[in-house]
Amino acid sequence: MTRFQIFIIRAILGIAMAVALTHFFYPNANKLYVAGIGIILVGLSYFSEYLRHKK
């Protein structure tokens, strides 16, 4: 898989999880808030990959 495909998969999963989490905990959340949480989730996935491959 290319890096771009991995980014797209992580972005889709990040947005899906952000939507699910905000609808579960904050049903009336703003769309900008959901997008921010999605960006944070994608960033955390790249950070965890960095920590996993760090030697």
C-alpha atoms as a PDB file:
ATOM      1  CA  MET A   1       0.000   0.000   0.000  1.00  0.00           C
ATOM      2  CA  THR A   2       1.190   3.502  -0.715  1.00  0.00           C
ATOM      3  CA  ARG A   3       1.415   6.190   1.930  1.00  0.00           C
ATOM      4  CA  PHE A   4      -1.450   8.067   0.318  1.00  0.00           C
ATOM      5  CA  GLN A   5      -3.755   5.044   0.548  1.00  0.00           C
ATOM      6  CA  ILE A   6      -2.856   4.610   4.211  1.00  0.00           C
ATOM      7  CA  PHE A   7      -3.614   8.294   4.818  1.00  0.00           C
ATOM      8  CA  ILE A   8      -7.013   7.986   3.118  1.00  0.00           C
ATOM      9  CA  ILE A   9      -7.905   4.905   5.184  1.00  0.00           C
ATOM     10  CA  ARG A  10      -6.840   6.617   8.410  1.00  0.00           C
ATOM     11  CA  ALA A  11      -8.727   9.788   7.499  1.00  0.00           C
ATOM     12  CA  ILE A  12     -11.932   7.884   6.741  1.00  0.00           C
ATOM     13  CA  LEU A  13     -11.676   5.853   9.942  1.00  0.00           C
ATOM     14  CA  GLY A  14     -10.772   8.964  11.961  1.00  0.00           C
ATOM     15  CA  ILE A  15     -13.807  10.883  10.726  1.00  0.00           C
ATOM     16  CA  ALA A  16     -16.082   7.858  11.225  1.00  0.00           C
ATOM     17  CA  MET A  17     -14.876   7.388  14.805  1.00  0.00           C
ATOM     18  CA  ALA A  18     -15.156  11.124  15.496  1.00  0.00           C
ATOM     19  CA  VAL A  19     -18.757  11.147  14.260  1.00  0.00           C
ATOM     20  CA  ALA A  20     -19.612   8.057  16.314  1.00  0.00           C
ATOM     21  CA  LEU A  21     -17.975   9.359  19.491  1.00  0.00           C
ATOM     22  CA  THR A  22     -19.471  12.845  19.290  1.00  0.00           C
ATOM     23  CA  HIS A  23     -22.955  11.527  18.527  1.00  0.00           C
ATOM     24  CA  PHE A  24     -22.676   9.156  21.475  1.00  0.00           C
ATOM     25  CA  PHE A  25     -21.317  11.648  24.032  1.00  0.00           C
ATOM     26  CA  TYR A  26     -22.397  15.043  22.571  1.00  0.00           C
ATOM     27  CA  PRO A  27     -25.409  14.627  20.273  1.00  0.00           C
ATOM     28  CA  ASN A  28     -25.694  18.363  19.556  1.00  0.00           C
ATOM     29  CA  ALA A  29     -22.010  18.904  18.742  1.00  0.00           C
ATOM     30  CA  ASN A  30     -20.975  21.371  16.068  1.00  0.00           C
ATOM     31  CA  LYS A  31     -19.586  19.943  12.788  1.00  0.00           C
ATOM     32  CA  LEU A  32     -16.370  21.890  13.313  1.00  0.00           C
ATOM     33  CA  TYR A  33     -15.926  20.134  16.668  1.00  0.00           C
ATOM     34  CA  VAL A  34     -16.394  16.739  14.977  1.00  0.00           C
ATOM     35  CA  ALA A  35     -13.837  17.635  12.297  1.00  0.00           C
ATOM     36  CA  GLY A  36     -11.364  18.722  14.985  1.00  0.00           C
ATOM     37  CA  ILE A  37     -11.705  15.440  16.821  1.00  0.00           C
ATOM     38  CA  GLY A  38     -11.225  13.584  13.523  1.00  0.00           C
ATOM     39  CA  ILE A  39      -8.000  15.497  12.844  1.00  0.00           C
ATOM     40  CA  ILE A  40      -6.779  14.734  16.356  1.00  0.00           C
ATOM     41  CA  LEU A  41      -7.526  11.018  15.907  1.00  0.00           C
ATOM     42  CA  VAL A  42      -5.629  10.863  12.606  1.00  0.00           C
ATOM     43  CA  GLY A  43      -2.737  12.747  14.189  1.00  0.00           C
ATOM     44  CA  LEU A  44      -2.668  10.328  17.095  1.00  0.00           C
ATOM     45  CA  SER A  45      -2.538   7.381  14.714  1.00  0.00           C
ATOM     46  CA  TYR A  46       0.535   8.850  13.014  1.00  0.00           C
ATOM     47  CA  PHE A  47       2.089   9.592  16.406  1.00  0.00           C
ATOM     48  CA  SER A  48       1.531   6.019  17.577  1.00  0.00           C
ATOM     49  CA  GLU A  49       3.118   4.729  14.353  1.00  0.00           C
ATOM     50  CA  TYR A  50       6.110   6.985  15.013  1.00  0.00           C
ATOM     51  CA  LEU A  51       6.475   5.610  18.538  1.00  0.00           C
ATOM     52  CA  ARG A  52       6.145   2.040  17.308  1.00  0.00           C
ATOM     53  CA  HIS A  53       8.890   2.405  14.668  1.00  0.00           C
ATOM     54  CA  LYS A  54      11.230   4.500  16.817  1.00  0.00           C
ATOM     55  CA  LYS A  55      14.445   2.746  17.739  1.00  0.00           C
END
